[in-house]
Amino acid sequence: MLMEVLFDQSNISNVWNFLFGHGAEFSRLTVAEEFGFDIMPHNDFIRFFLDFGLFSCLILFVILYLVGKDSVLALMLVLIYMSAFYHNMLYSLYFAPLIFIANSSAKLRLKNAD
């Protein structure tokens, strides 16, 4: 039901909004306006797409790929992060830095091993 409301609102939009999004918090504010209480959509992929657009989603996936390809730990964290995107198990603001720390740690170990 939440996703139907969000996609109905996004269908009104133009090509610019499809590519670059409606702006931060669009999905949350739309749900609050429609249902009268403030909750997050349960799928962060859709939330990120509606808020920031297709272009930003592609950039996010490329960054996650580039970070995850260098380290097994970083790759595992990227996979957990991506699966958590489906159901908001982890708030992405706090989990994403762990991926970058794991990647940096792996690069430092490789550099020190040489």
N, C-alpha and C. Protein backbone atom coordinates (compact mmCIF):
# COMPACT_ATOMS: atom_id res chain seq x y z
N MET A 1 0.82 -1.18 0.00
CA MET A 1 0.00 0.00 0.00
C MET A 1 0.88 1.26 0.00
N LEU A 2 1.93 1.25 0.82
CA LEU A 2 2.84 2.40 0.83
C LEU A 2 3.48 2.61 -0.53
N MET A 3 3.92 1.52 -1.13
CA MET A 3 4.60 1.64 -2.42
C MET A 3 3.66 2.14 -3.50
N GLU A 4 2.39 1.73 -3.44
CA GLU A 4 1.41 2.22 -4.41
C GLU A 4 1.26 3.74 -4.32
N VAL A 5 1.19 4.24 -3.11
CA VAL A 5 1.06 5.69 -2.91
C VAL A 5 2.28 6.40 -3.46
N LEU A 6 3.47 5.88 -3.16
CA LEU A 6 4.70 6.52 -3.63
C LEU A 6 4.80 6.50 -5.14
N PHE A 7 4.46 5.37 -5.76
CA PHE A 7 4.55 5.31 -7.21
C PHE A 7 3.46 6.14 -7.88
N ASP A 8 2.30 6.25 -7.25
CA ASP A 8 1.27 7.14 -7.80
C ASP A 8 1.76 8.57 -7.81
N GLN A 9 2.41 8.99 -6.73
CA GLN A 9 2.96 10.35 -6.67
C GLN A 9 4.07 10.54 -7.69
N SER A 10 4.89 9.50 -7.88
CA SER A 10 6.01 9.65 -8.81
C SER A 10 5.56 9.59 -10.27
N ASN A 11 4.41 8.98 -10.55
CA ASN A 11 3.91 8.93 -11.93
C ASN A 11 3.51 10.31 -12.44
N ILE A 12 3.21 11.21 -11.52
CA ILE A 12 2.86 12.57 -11.89
C ILE A 12 4.10 13.33 -12.38
N SER A 13 5.26 12.84 -12.00
CA SER A 13 6.50 13.57 -12.24
C SER A 13 6.93 13.55 -13.71
N ASN A 14 7.94 14.32 -14.01
CA ASN A 14 8.47 14.42 -15.36
C ASN A 14 9.78 13.64 -15.49
N VAL A 15 10.42 13.72 -16.64
CA VAL A 15 11.66 13.00 -16.90
C VAL A 15 12.77 13.47 -15.97
N TRP A 16 12.82 14.76 -15.69
CA TRP A 16 13.84 15.31 -14.79
C TRP A 16 13.78 14.62 -13.43
N ASN A 17 12.56 14.48 -12.87
CA ASN A 17 12.40 13.83 -11.57
C ASN A 17 12.74 12.35 -11.65
N PHE A 18 12.47 11.71 -12.77
CA PHE A 18 12.83 10.30 -12.94
C PHE A 18 14.35 10.14 -12.89
N LEU A 19 15.06 11.03 -13.54
CA LEU A 19 16.53 10.92 -13.60
C LEU A 19 17.21 11.42 -12.33
N PHE A 20 16.70 12.49 -11.73
CA PHE A 20 17.40 13.12 -10.60
C PHE A 20 16.60 13.14 -9.31
N GLY A 21 15.41 12.56 -9.29
CA GLY A 21 14.63 12.43 -8.07
C GLY A 21 13.81 13.65 -7.72
N HIS A 22 13.04 13.49 -6.66
CA HIS A 22 12.14 14.54 -6.18
C HIS A 22 12.76 15.34 -5.04
N GLY A 23 13.88 14.91 -4.54
CA GLY A 23 14.53 15.60 -3.42
C GLY A 23 14.51 14.75 -2.17
N ALA A 24 15.44 15.05 -1.28
CA ALA A 24 15.56 14.29 -0.04
C ALA A 24 14.25 14.32 0.74
N GLU A 25 13.91 13.17 1.29
CA GLU A 25 12.72 13.00 2.14
C GLU A 25 11.39 13.06 1.38
N PHE A 26 11.40 13.05 0.05
CA PHE A 26 10.14 13.06 -0.70
C PHE A 26 9.27 11.88 -0.32
N SER A 27 9.86 10.69 -0.29
CA SER A 27 9.06 9.50 -0.02
C SER A 27 8.49 9.52 1.40
N ARG A 28 9.29 9.90 2.37
CA ARG A 28 8.82 9.94 3.76
C ARG A 28 7.73 10.99 3.93
N LEU A 29 7.91 12.16 3.36
CA LEU A 29 6.91 13.22 3.48
C LEU A 29 5.62 12.87 2.75
N THR A 30 5.73 12.17 1.62
CA THR A 30 4.54 11.74 0.88
C THR A 30 3.74 10.74 1.70
N VAL A 31 4.43 9.79 2.33
CA VAL A 31 3.74 8.82 3.19
C VAL A 31 3.09 9.52 4.37
N ALA A 32 3.79 10.47 4.99
CA ALA A 32 3.22 11.20 6.13
C ALA A 32 1.99 12.00 5.72
N GLU A 33 2.04 12.61 4.55
CA GLU A 33 0.91 13.39 4.06
C GLU A 33 -0.29 12.50 3.74
N GLU A 34 -0.02 11.35 3.14
CA GLU A 34 -1.09 10.46 2.70
C GLU A 34 -1.75 9.71 3.86
N PHE A 35 -0.95 9.24 4.83
CA PHE A 35 -1.47 8.39 5.90
C PHE A 35 -1.61 9.10 7.24
N GLY A 36 -1.03 10.28 7.36
CA GLY A 36 -1.18 11.03 8.60
C GLY A 36 -0.17 10.68 9.68
N PHE A 37 0.76 9.79 9.42
CA PHE A 37 1.83 9.50 10.38
C PHE A 37 3.13 9.29 9.63
N ASP A 38 4.20 9.54 10.32
CA ASP A 38 5.52 9.59 9.70
C ASP A 38 6.23 8.24 9.82
N ILE A 39 6.29 7.50 8.72
CA ILE A 39 7.06 6.26 8.70
C ILE A 39 7.87 6.22 7.41
N MET A 40 8.91 5.43 7.42
CA MET A 40 9.75 5.28 6.24
C MET A 40 9.19 4.16 5.37
N PRO A 41 9.33 4.27 4.06
CA PRO A 41 8.98 3.14 3.19
C PRO A 41 9.87 1.95 3.55
N HIS A 42 9.36 0.75 3.39
CA HIS A 42 10.09 -0.44 3.83
C HIS A 42 11.07 -0.96 2.80
N ASN A 43 11.25 -0.27 1.72
CA ASN A 43 12.21 -0.69 0.70
C ASN A 43 13.08 0.51 0.37
N ASP A 44 14.33 0.46 0.80
CA ASP A 44 15.22 1.60 0.61
C ASP A 44 15.60 1.82 -0.85
N PHE A 45 15.55 0.77 -1.67
CA PHE A 45 15.82 0.96 -3.10
C PHE A 45 14.80 1.92 -3.70
N ILE A 46 13.54 1.67 -3.40
CA ILE A 46 12.48 2.53 -3.93
C ILE A 46 12.57 3.92 -3.31
N ARG A 47 12.83 3.98 -2.02
CA ARG A 47 12.96 5.28 -1.35
C ARG A 47 14.10 6.09 -1.97
N PHE A 48 15.26 5.45 -2.17
CA PHE A 48 16.41 6.14 -2.74
C PHE A 48 16.13 6.57 -4.18
N PHE A 49 15.47 5.69 -4.95
CA PHE A 49 15.14 6.02 -6.33
C PHE A 49 14.20 7.22 -6.41
N LEU A 50 13.15 7.22 -5.60
CA LEU A 50 12.19 8.33 -5.65
C LEU A 50 12.80 9.63 -5.13
N ASP A 51 13.61 9.54 -4.10
CA ASP A 51 14.21 10.75 -3.54
C ASP A 51 15.32 11.31 -4.42
N PHE A 52 16.17 10.44 -4.98
CA PHE A 52 17.38 10.90 -5.66
C PHE A 52 17.47 10.54 -7.13
N GLY A 53 16.56 9.73 -7.65
CA GLY A 53 16.49 9.45 -9.07
C GLY A 53 17.38 8.32 -9.56
N LEU A 54 17.19 7.98 -10.81
CA LEU A 54 17.91 6.87 -11.44
C LEU A 54 19.41 7.14 -11.50
N PHE A 55 19.79 8.35 -11.84
CA PHE A 55 21.21 8.70 -11.96
C PHE A 55 21.95 8.45 -10.65
N SER A 56 21.38 8.89 -9.54
CA SER A 56 22.01 8.68 -8.23
C SER A 56 22.03 7.22 -7.83
N CYS A 57 20.98 6.48 -8.18
CA CYS A 57 20.97 5.04 -7.90
C CYS A 57 22.11 4.34 -8.61
N LEU A 58 22.32 4.68 -9.86
CA LEU A 58 23.42 4.07 -10.61
C LEU A 58 24.77 4.42 -9.98
N ILE A 59 24.94 5.66 -9.57
CA ILE A 59 26.18 6.07 -8.90
C ILE A 59 26.37 5.28 -7.61
N LEU A 60 25.31 5.11 -6.83
CA LEU A 60 25.38 4.34 -5.59
C LEU A 60 25.83 2.91 -5.86
N PHE A 61 25.24 2.26 -6.87
CA PHE A 61 25.61 0.88 -7.16
C PHE A 61 27.05 0.77 -7.65
N VAL A 62 27.50 1.72 -8.43
CA VAL A 62 28.90 1.71 -8.90
C VAL A 62 29.85 1.88 -7.72
N ILE A 63 29.54 2.80 -6.82
CA ILE A 63 30.39 3.01 -5.64
C ILE A 63 30.43 1.75 -4.78
N LEU A 64 29.28 1.13 -4.55
CA LEU A 64 29.26 -0.09 -3.75
C LEU A 64 30.06 -1.20 -4.42
N TYR A 65 29.97 -1.30 -5.74
CA TYR A 65 30.76 -2.30 -6.46
C TYR A 65 32.25 -2.02 -6.31
N LEU A 66 32.65 -0.78 -6.52
CA LEU A 66 34.08 -0.43 -6.44
C LEU A 66 34.64 -0.66 -5.04
N VAL A 67 33.85 -0.38 -4.03
CA VAL A 67 34.30 -0.59 -2.65
C VAL A 67 34.34 -2.08 -2.33
N GLY A 68 33.35 -2.82 -2.76
CA GLY A 68 33.26 -4.23 -2.41
C GLY A 68 34.21 -5.15 -3.14
N LYS A 69 34.74 -4.73 -4.26
CA LYS A 69 35.56 -5.64 -5.07
C LYS A 69 36.97 -5.83 -4.52
N ASP A 70 37.43 -4.98 -3.61
CA ASP A 70 38.80 -5.04 -3.13
C ASP A 70 39.01 -5.92 -1.91
N SER A 71 37.98 -6.26 -1.20
CA SER A 71 38.14 -6.96 0.07
C SER A 71 36.96 -7.90 0.29
N VAL A 72 37.26 -9.07 0.83
CA VAL A 72 36.19 -10.04 1.12
C VAL A 72 35.27 -9.48 2.20
N LEU A 73 35.85 -8.89 3.24
CA LEU A 73 35.03 -8.31 4.31
C LEU A 73 34.15 -7.18 3.78
N ALA A 74 34.74 -6.30 2.98
CA ALA A 74 33.95 -5.21 2.41
C ALA A 74 32.86 -5.76 1.50
N LEU A 75 33.17 -6.80 0.72
CA LEU A 75 32.16 -7.41 -0.15
C LEU A 75 31.02 -8.00 0.68
N MET A 76 31.34 -8.68 1.76
CA MET A 76 30.29 -9.24 2.62
C MET A 76 29.43 -8.13 3.21
N LEU A 77 30.06 -7.04 3.64
CA LEU A 77 29.29 -5.92 4.18
C LEU A 77 28.41 -5.27 3.11
N VAL A 78 28.92 -5.16 1.89
CA VAL A 78 28.12 -4.62 0.79
C VAL A 78 26.91 -5.51 0.54
N LEU A 79 27.11 -6.83 0.54
CA LEU A 79 25.99 -7.75 0.32
C LEU A 79 24.95 -7.66 1.44
N ILE A 80 25.41 -7.56 2.68
CA ILE A 80 24.48 -7.39 3.80
C ILE A 80 23.73 -6.06 3.66
N TYR A 81 24.46 -5.03 3.31
CA TYR A 81 23.87 -3.71 3.12
C TYR A 81 22.81 -3.74 2.03
N MET A 82 23.12 -4.39 0.91
CA MET A 82 22.17 -4.46 -0.20
C MET A 82 20.93 -5.27 0.19
N SER A 83 21.11 -6.37 0.93
CA SER A 83 19.94 -7.14 1.33
C SER A 83 19.12 -6.38 2.37
N ALA A 84 19.77 -5.61 3.21
CA ALA A 84 19.05 -4.82 4.21
C ALA A 84 18.25 -3.70 3.55
N PHE A 85 18.65 -3.28 2.36
CA PHE A 85 17.91 -2.25 1.63
C PHE A 85 16.47 -2.68 1.35
N TYR A 86 16.24 -3.99 1.27
CA TYR A 86 14.90 -4.47 0.95
C TYR A 86 13.92 -4.32 2.10
N HIS A 87 14.40 -4.31 3.34
CA HIS A 87 13.45 -4.28 4.44
C HIS A 87 13.84 -3.37 5.58
N ASN A 88 14.74 -2.43 5.37
CA ASN A 88 15.12 -1.44 6.40
C ASN A 88 15.56 -2.07 7.71
N MET A 89 16.24 -3.21 7.63
CA MET A 89 16.71 -3.84 8.86
C MET A 89 17.75 -2.97 9.56
N LEU A 90 18.62 -2.38 8.79
CA LEU A 90 19.67 -1.52 9.32
C LEU A 90 19.52 -0.15 8.71
N TYR A 91 19.67 0.85 9.51
CA TYR A 91 19.58 2.20 8.96
C TYR A 91 20.86 2.47 8.18
N SER A 92 20.73 2.74 6.91
CA SER A 92 21.87 2.81 6.01
C SER A 92 22.88 3.90 6.37
N LEU A 93 22.44 4.94 7.04
CA LEU A 93 23.35 6.02 7.42
C LEU A 93 24.48 5.52 8.31
N TYR A 94 24.19 4.54 9.17
CA TYR A 94 25.20 4.03 10.09
C TYR A 94 25.95 2.83 9.53
N PHE A 95 25.36 2.11 8.60
CA PHE A 95 25.98 0.90 8.10
C PHE A 95 26.95 1.17 6.96
N ALA A 96 26.67 2.15 6.14
CA ALA A 96 27.54 2.45 4.99
C ALA A 96 28.97 2.77 5.40
N PRO A 97 29.22 3.54 6.46
CA PRO A 97 30.62 3.79 6.83
C PRO A 97 31.39 2.53 7.18
N LEU A 98 30.71 1.50 7.71
CA LEU A 98 31.39 0.24 8.00
C LEU A 98 31.99 -0.38 6.75
N ILE A 99 31.29 -0.25 5.65
CA ILE A 99 31.79 -0.80 4.39
C ILE A 99 33.07 -0.08 3.98
N PHE A 100 33.08 1.22 4.08
CA PHE A 100 34.26 1.99 3.69
C PHE A 100 35.43 1.77 4.65
N ILE A 101 35.14 1.59 5.93
CA ILE A 101 36.20 1.29 6.90
C ILE A 101 36.81 -0.07 6.61
N ALA A 102 35.96 -1.07 6.33
CA ALA A 102 36.47 -2.41 6.01
C ALA A 102 37.32 -2.37 4.75
N ASN A 103 36.89 -1.64 3.76
CA ASN A 103 37.66 -1.53 2.52
C ASN A 103 39.00 -0.84 2.77
N SER A 104 38.99 0.24 3.52
CA SER A 104 40.23 0.97 3.82
C SER A 104 41.18 0.10 4.64
N SER A 105 40.64 -0.64 5.58
CA SER A 105 41.45 -1.53 6.40
C SER A 105 42.13 -2.60 5.54
N ALA A 106 41.38 -3.16 4.60
CA ALA A 106 41.95 -4.18 3.72
C ALA A 106 43.05 -3.59 2.84
N LYS A 107 42.84 -2.39 2.35
CA LYS A 107 43.87 -1.74 1.52
C LYS A 107 45.13 -1.44 2.32
N LEU A 108 44.97 -1.02 3.59
CA LEU A 108 46.13 -0.75 4.43
C LEU A 108 46.92 -2.03 4.70
N ARG A 109 46.21 -3.13 4.97
CA ARG A 109 46.91 -4.40 5.20
C ARG A 109 47.67 -4.84 3.96
N LEU A 110 47.06 -4.68 2.79
CA LEU A 110 47.77 -5.04 1.56
C LEU A 110 48.99 -4.16 1.34
N LYS A 111 48.85 -2.89 1.64
CA LYS A 111 49.96 -1.95 1.46
C LYS A 111 51.10 -2.27 2.43
N ASN A 112 50.76 -2.60 3.68
CA ASN A 112 51.77 -2.93 4.68
C ASN A 112 52.42 -4.28 4.42
N ALA A 113 51.70 -5.17 3.74
CA ALA A 113 52.26 -6.49 3.43
C ALA A 113 53.36 -6.39 2.37
N ASP A 114 53.30 -5.36 1.56
CA ASP A 114 54.33 -5.19 0.51
C ASP A 114 55.58 -4.68 1.08
